[in-house]
Amino acid sequence: MKIELKLTADELQYLDSVLEDISLTTIKKFMFSMANSKLMLSVMIDVADKVIKKYQGLSRKVSLFDAKKKHKVEFKYHEASALCSYLVGLRPNEVDPYRKSIVTKLTMDLSQKLQ
């Protein structure tokens, strides 16, 4: 089962920034509190690869007129579920209101599509 998200450039940039260093201690601390930490970390590495490739491709051909264009990203169900769990864990740590609104919107979109 595939979950399709249509993300703006800002949302992709946010995901790229939080998933870029997936194996550092911040993610490990979050993952160790979960029951299946190795499984989640493995899935999140795949999600990070997918998002980073999409963002890098987008950043090469960015244009002033593409600012509001939405870009399609497809996740497998388990990838979308892991990403949603990760974003829920990140939400309380965001202090910037704009970044907090992005993570809230992404979490709501994923939660809705996962049901």
N, C-alpha and C. Protein backbone atom coordinates (compact mmCIF):
# COMPACT_ATOMS: atom_id res chain seq x y z
N MET A 1 0.85 -1.17 0.00
CA MET A 1 0.00 0.00 0.00
C MET A 1 0.90 1.24 0.00
N LYS A 2 0.60 2.17 -0.88
CA LYS A 2 1.41 3.38 -1.02
C LYS A 2 0.64 4.58 -0.47
N ILE A 3 1.39 5.46 0.16
CA ILE A 3 0.85 6.72 0.68
C ILE A 3 1.50 7.84 -0.12
N GLU A 4 0.69 8.65 -0.75
CA GLU A 4 1.21 9.74 -1.58
C GLU A 4 1.00 11.07 -0.87
N LEU A 5 2.09 11.83 -0.76
CA LEU A 5 2.03 13.17 -0.19
C LEU A 5 2.40 14.18 -1.26
N LYS A 6 1.70 15.28 -1.27
CA LYS A 6 2.05 16.39 -2.14
C LYS A 6 2.62 17.49 -1.26
N LEU A 7 3.92 17.72 -1.40
CA LEU A 7 4.64 18.62 -0.51
C LEU A 7 5.11 19.86 -1.24
N THR A 8 5.06 20.98 -0.54
CA THR A 8 5.61 22.22 -1.09
C THR A 8 7.13 22.18 -0.93
N ALA A 9 7.80 23.13 -1.55
CA ALA A 9 9.26 23.20 -1.45
C ALA A 9 9.69 23.44 0.00
N ASP A 10 8.94 24.24 0.74
CA ASP A 10 9.26 24.50 2.15
C ASP A 10 9.14 23.23 2.99
N GLU A 11 8.10 22.45 2.73
CA GLU A 11 7.91 21.21 3.48
C GLU A 11 9.03 20.21 3.16
N LEU A 12 9.41 20.13 1.89
CA LEU A 12 10.52 19.25 1.52
C LEU A 12 11.83 19.72 2.16
N GLN A 13 12.02 21.03 2.20
CA GLN A 13 13.23 21.57 2.82
C GLN A 13 13.25 21.24 4.31
N TYR A 14 12.10 21.36 4.96
CA TYR A 14 12.02 21.04 6.39
C TYR A 14 12.37 19.56 6.61
N LEU A 15 11.74 18.68 5.83
CA LEU A 15 12.01 17.25 5.99
C LEU A 15 13.48 16.94 5.72
N ASP A 16 14.04 17.59 4.70
CA ASP A 16 15.46 17.40 4.39
C ASP A 16 16.32 17.81 5.58
N SER A 17 16.00 18.93 6.20
CA SER A 17 16.82 19.42 7.31
C SER A 17 16.73 18.52 8.54
N VAL A 18 15.56 17.95 8.82
CA VAL A 18 15.44 17.11 10.02
C VAL A 18 15.88 15.67 9.77
N LEU A 19 15.87 15.24 8.51
CA LEU A 19 16.24 13.85 8.21
C LEU A 19 17.67 13.72 7.70
N GLU A 20 18.34 14.84 7.49
CA GLU A 20 19.67 14.81 6.88
C GLU A 20 20.67 14.01 7.70
N ASP A 21 20.66 14.18 8.99
CA ASP A 21 21.61 13.48 9.86
C ASP A 21 20.87 12.44 10.70
N ILE A 22 20.27 11.51 10.03
CA ILE A 22 19.37 10.54 10.68
C ILE A 22 20.10 9.66 11.69
N SER A 23 21.38 9.44 11.51
CA SER A 23 22.09 8.51 12.39
C SER A 23 22.79 9.19 13.56
N LEU A 24 22.60 10.49 13.72
CA LEU A 24 23.25 11.18 14.83
C LEU A 24 22.53 10.91 16.15
N THR A 25 23.09 11.40 17.22
CA THR A 25 22.59 11.05 18.55
C THR A 25 21.18 11.57 18.82
N THR A 26 20.78 12.67 18.19
CA THR A 26 19.43 13.17 18.48
C THR A 26 18.37 12.17 18.05
N ILE A 27 18.54 11.60 16.87
CA ILE A 27 17.56 10.60 16.42
C ILE A 27 17.70 9.32 17.24
N LYS A 28 18.92 8.97 17.59
CA LYS A 28 19.10 7.75 18.37
C LYS A 28 18.44 7.87 19.74
N LYS A 29 18.52 9.03 20.37
CA LYS A 29 17.86 9.22 21.66
C LYS A 29 16.36 9.06 21.52
N PHE A 30 15.81 9.61 20.43
CA PHE A 30 14.38 9.49 20.19
C PHE A 30 14.00 8.04 19.92
N MET A 31 14.78 7.38 19.10
CA MET A 31 14.47 6.01 18.71
C MET A 31 14.62 5.03 19.88
N PHE A 32 15.57 5.25 20.77
CA PHE A 32 15.77 4.31 21.86
C PHE A 32 14.59 4.29 22.82
N SER A 33 13.78 5.33 22.81
CA SER A 33 12.62 5.33 23.68
C SER A 33 11.48 4.50 23.09
N MET A 34 11.60 4.10 21.84
CA MET A 34 10.56 3.30 21.19
C MET A 34 10.87 1.81 21.36
N ALA A 35 9.84 0.99 21.26
CA ALA A 35 10.00 -0.44 21.49
C ALA A 35 10.90 -1.10 20.44
N ASN A 36 10.71 -0.77 19.19
CA ASN A 36 11.47 -1.40 18.10
C ASN A 36 12.44 -0.40 17.50
N SER A 37 13.43 0.01 18.28
CA SER A 37 14.31 1.10 17.85
C SER A 37 15.12 0.76 16.60
N LYS A 38 15.64 -0.44 16.49
CA LYS A 38 16.43 -0.79 15.31
C LYS A 38 15.58 -0.84 14.05
N LEU A 39 14.37 -1.35 14.18
CA LEU A 39 13.45 -1.39 13.06
C LEU A 39 13.10 0.02 12.59
N MET A 40 12.75 0.88 13.54
CA MET A 40 12.39 2.26 13.21
C MET A 40 13.56 3.00 12.58
N LEU A 41 14.75 2.82 13.12
CA LEU A 41 15.92 3.49 12.58
C LEU A 41 16.18 3.02 11.15
N SER A 42 16.03 1.75 10.89
CA SER A 42 16.23 1.21 9.55
C SER A 42 15.22 1.80 8.56
N VAL A 43 13.98 1.87 8.95
CA VAL A 43 12.93 2.43 8.09
C VAL A 43 13.18 3.92 7.87
N MET A 44 13.56 4.63 8.93
CA MET A 44 13.79 6.07 8.81
C MET A 44 14.98 6.40 7.92
N ILE A 45 15.97 5.53 7.87
CA ILE A 45 17.10 5.75 6.96
C ILE A 45 16.61 5.68 5.52
N ASP A 46 15.73 4.72 5.22
CA ASP A 46 15.15 4.63 3.87
C ASP A 46 14.31 5.86 3.54
N VAL A 47 13.53 6.32 4.51
CA VAL A 47 12.70 7.52 4.31
C VAL A 47 13.60 8.73 4.06
N ALA A 48 14.66 8.85 4.84
CA ALA A 48 15.58 9.97 4.68
C ALA A 48 16.22 9.96 3.30
N ASP A 49 16.64 8.79 2.83
CA ASP A 49 17.23 8.70 1.49
C ASP A 49 16.26 9.17 0.42
N LYS A 50 15.01 8.75 0.55
CA LYS A 50 13.99 9.13 -0.43
C LYS A 50 13.74 10.64 -0.43
N VAL A 51 13.60 11.22 0.76
CA VAL A 51 13.31 12.65 0.87
C VAL A 51 14.51 13.49 0.42
N ILE A 52 15.70 13.09 0.81
CA ILE A 52 16.90 13.85 0.45
C ILE A 52 17.12 13.83 -1.06
N LYS A 53 16.92 12.68 -1.70
CA LYS A 53 17.06 12.61 -3.16
C LYS A 53 16.04 13.52 -3.85
N LYS A 54 14.82 13.51 -3.37
CA LYS A 54 13.77 14.35 -3.95
C LYS A 54 14.13 15.83 -3.79
N TYR A 55 14.58 16.20 -2.60
CA TYR A 55 14.91 17.60 -2.34
C TYR A 55 16.12 18.05 -3.15
N GLN A 56 17.13 17.21 -3.27
CA GLN A 56 18.31 17.57 -4.05
C GLN A 56 17.95 17.74 -5.52
N GLY A 57 17.10 16.88 -6.04
CA GLY A 57 16.65 17.03 -7.42
C GLY A 57 15.86 18.30 -7.62
N LEU A 58 15.06 18.64 -6.64
CA LEU A 58 14.26 19.86 -6.70
C LEU A 58 15.14 21.10 -6.59
N SER A 59 16.13 21.06 -5.72
CA SER A 59 16.97 22.25 -5.51
C SER A 59 17.84 22.56 -6.72
N ARG A 60 18.11 21.57 -7.55
CA ARG A 60 18.89 21.82 -8.77
C ARG A 60 18.10 22.60 -9.81
N LYS A 61 16.81 22.35 -9.86
CA LYS A 61 16.00 23.01 -10.89
C LYS A 61 14.95 23.94 -10.30
N VAL A 62 15.28 24.56 -9.18
CA VAL A 62 14.33 25.47 -8.54
C VAL A 62 14.19 26.75 -9.37
N SER A 63 13.00 27.26 -9.39
CA SER A 63 12.70 28.47 -10.14
C SER A 63 11.80 29.35 -9.27
N LEU A 64 11.83 30.63 -9.55
CA LEU A 64 11.00 31.57 -8.81
C LEU A 64 9.52 31.23 -8.97
N PHE A 65 9.15 30.70 -10.11
CA PHE A 65 7.74 30.43 -10.40
C PHE A 65 7.27 29.10 -9.82
N ASP A 66 8.20 28.28 -9.33
CA ASP A 66 7.84 26.98 -8.77
C ASP A 66 7.63 27.01 -7.26
N ALA A 67 7.64 28.18 -6.66
CA ALA A 67 7.59 28.29 -5.20
C ALA A 67 6.33 27.66 -4.61
N LYS A 68 5.21 27.76 -5.28
CA LYS A 68 3.96 27.23 -4.73
C LYS A 68 3.60 25.87 -5.30
N LYS A 69 4.39 25.37 -6.22
CA LYS A 69 4.12 24.08 -6.83
C LYS A 69 4.32 22.97 -5.80
N LYS A 70 3.44 21.98 -5.83
CA LYS A 70 3.54 20.85 -4.92
C LYS A 70 4.22 19.69 -5.64
N HIS A 71 5.03 18.97 -4.89
CA HIS A 71 5.80 17.88 -5.44
C HIS A 71 5.36 16.57 -4.80
N LYS A 72 5.16 15.57 -5.63
CA LYS A 72 4.62 14.29 -5.16
C LYS A 72 5.75 13.40 -4.64
N VAL A 73 5.53 12.87 -3.43
CA VAL A 73 6.45 11.91 -2.83
C VAL A 73 5.62 10.72 -2.36
N GLU A 74 6.03 9.52 -2.79
CA GLU A 74 5.30 8.32 -2.40
C GLU A 74 6.09 7.54 -1.36
N PHE A 75 5.39 7.13 -0.32
CA PHE A 75 5.97 6.30 0.73
C PHE A 75 5.20 5.00 0.80
N LYS A 76 5.88 3.94 1.19
CA LYS A 76 5.19 2.71 1.53
C LYS A 76 4.52 2.95 2.88
N TYR A 77 3.54 2.13 3.20
CA TYR A 77 2.76 2.35 4.42
C TYR A 77 3.65 2.39 5.66
N HIS A 78 4.58 1.45 5.78
CA HIS A 78 5.42 1.41 6.98
C HIS A 78 6.37 2.62 7.04
N GLU A 79 6.78 3.13 5.88
CA GLU A 79 7.62 4.33 5.85
C GLU A 79 6.83 5.55 6.32
N ALA A 80 5.60 5.67 5.83
CA ALA A 80 4.76 6.79 6.23
C ALA A 80 4.44 6.73 7.73
N SER A 81 4.20 5.54 8.23
CA SER A 81 3.91 5.38 9.65
C SER A 81 5.12 5.76 10.51
N ALA A 82 6.30 5.34 10.10
CA ALA A 82 7.52 5.67 10.85
C ALA A 82 7.78 7.18 10.79
N LEU A 83 7.58 7.78 9.63
CA LEU A 83 7.78 9.22 9.49
C LEU A 83 6.81 9.99 10.37
N CYS A 84 5.57 9.55 10.41
CA CYS A 84 4.57 10.20 11.25
C CYS A 84 4.96 10.12 12.72
N SER A 85 5.40 8.95 13.17
CA SER A 85 5.84 8.79 14.56
C SER A 85 7.02 9.69 14.86
N TYR A 86 7.95 9.77 13.93
CA TYR A 86 9.14 10.61 14.13
C TYR A 86 8.75 12.09 14.22
N LEU A 87 7.84 12.53 13.34
CA LEU A 87 7.42 13.93 13.35
C LEU A 87 6.65 14.29 14.62
N VAL A 88 5.86 13.35 15.11
CA VAL A 88 5.14 13.58 16.37
C VAL A 88 6.15 13.79 17.50
N GLY A 89 7.25 13.05 17.49
CA GLY A 89 8.29 13.22 18.50
C GLY A 89 9.06 14.51 18.35
N LEU A 90 9.13 15.04 17.12
CA LEU A 90 9.86 16.29 16.88
C LEU A 90 9.05 17.53 17.23
N ARG A 91 7.75 17.44 17.13
CA ARG A 91 6.89 18.62 17.29
C ARG A 91 7.14 19.41 18.57
N PRO A 92 7.25 18.78 19.74
CA PRO A 92 7.47 19.57 20.97
C PRO A 92 8.83 20.27 21.00
N ASN A 93 9.79 19.78 20.24
CA ASN A 93 11.14 20.36 20.26
C ASN A 93 11.30 21.56 19.34
N GLU A 94 10.35 21.81 18.46
CA GLU A 94 10.44 22.94 17.54
C GLU A 94 10.07 24.22 18.27
N VAL A 95 10.94 25.22 18.19
CA VAL A 95 10.67 26.50 18.85
C VAL A 95 10.22 27.58 17.86
N ASP A 96 10.64 27.45 16.61
CA ASP A 96 10.24 28.41 15.58
C ASP A 96 8.79 28.15 15.19
N PRO A 97 7.92 29.16 15.26
CA PRO A 97 6.49 28.94 14.95
C PRO A 97 6.24 28.45 13.52
N TYR A 98 7.05 28.92 12.57
CA TYR A 98 6.86 28.49 11.18
C TYR A 98 7.20 27.00 11.02
N ARG A 99 8.32 26.60 11.59
CA ARG A 99 8.71 25.19 11.51
C ARG A 99 7.72 24.31 12.28
N LYS A 100 7.20 24.84 13.38
CA LYS A 100 6.20 24.09 14.15
C LYS A 100 4.91 23.90 13.33
N SER A 101 4.54 24.94 12.57
CA SER A 101 3.34 24.81 11.73
C SER A 101 3.57 23.80 10.61
N ILE A 102 4.77 23.75 10.07
CA ILE A 102 5.07 22.77 9.01
C ILE A 102 4.99 21.36 9.56
N VAL A 103 5.61 21.12 10.72
CA VAL A 103 5.60 19.77 11.28
C VAL A 103 4.18 19.37 11.69
N THR A 104 3.38 20.30 12.16
CA THR A 104 1.99 20.01 12.52
C THR A 104 1.19 19.63 11.28
N LYS A 105 1.35 20.39 10.20
CA LYS A 105 0.63 20.10 8.95
C LYS A 105 1.04 18.75 8.39
N LEU A 106 2.33 18.47 8.37
CA LEU A 106 2.81 17.18 7.86
C LEU A 106 2.26 16.02 8.70
N THR A 107 2.27 16.18 10.01
CA THR A 107 1.76 15.14 10.89
C THR A 107 0.28 14.90 10.66
N MET A 108 -0.47 15.97 10.52
CA MET A 108 -1.92 15.83 10.27
C MET A 108 -2.19 15.16 8.93
N ASP A 109 -1.46 15.56 7.89
CA ASP A 109 -1.64 14.95 6.57
C ASP A 109 -1.32 13.46 6.60
N LEU A 110 -0.20 13.12 7.23
CA LEU A 110 0.17 11.71 7.30
C LEU A 110 -0.83 10.91 8.12
N SER A 111 -1.24 11.43 9.25
CA SER A 111 -2.21 10.73 10.10
C SER A 111 -3.51 10.46 9.36
N GLN A 112 -3.95 11.46 8.61
CA GLN A 112 -5.19 11.31 7.86
C GLN A 112 -5.06 10.24 6.77
N LYS A 113 -3.94 10.21 6.10
CA LYS A 113 -3.75 9.25 5.01
C LYS A 113 -3.48 7.83 5.53
N LEU A 114 -2.99 7.73 6.74
CA LEU A 114 -2.71 6.42 7.32
C LEU A 114 -3.97 5.73 7.82
N GLN A 115 -5.06 6.45 8.02
CA GLN A 115 -6.28 5.83 8.54
C GLN A 115 -7.08 5.18 7.46
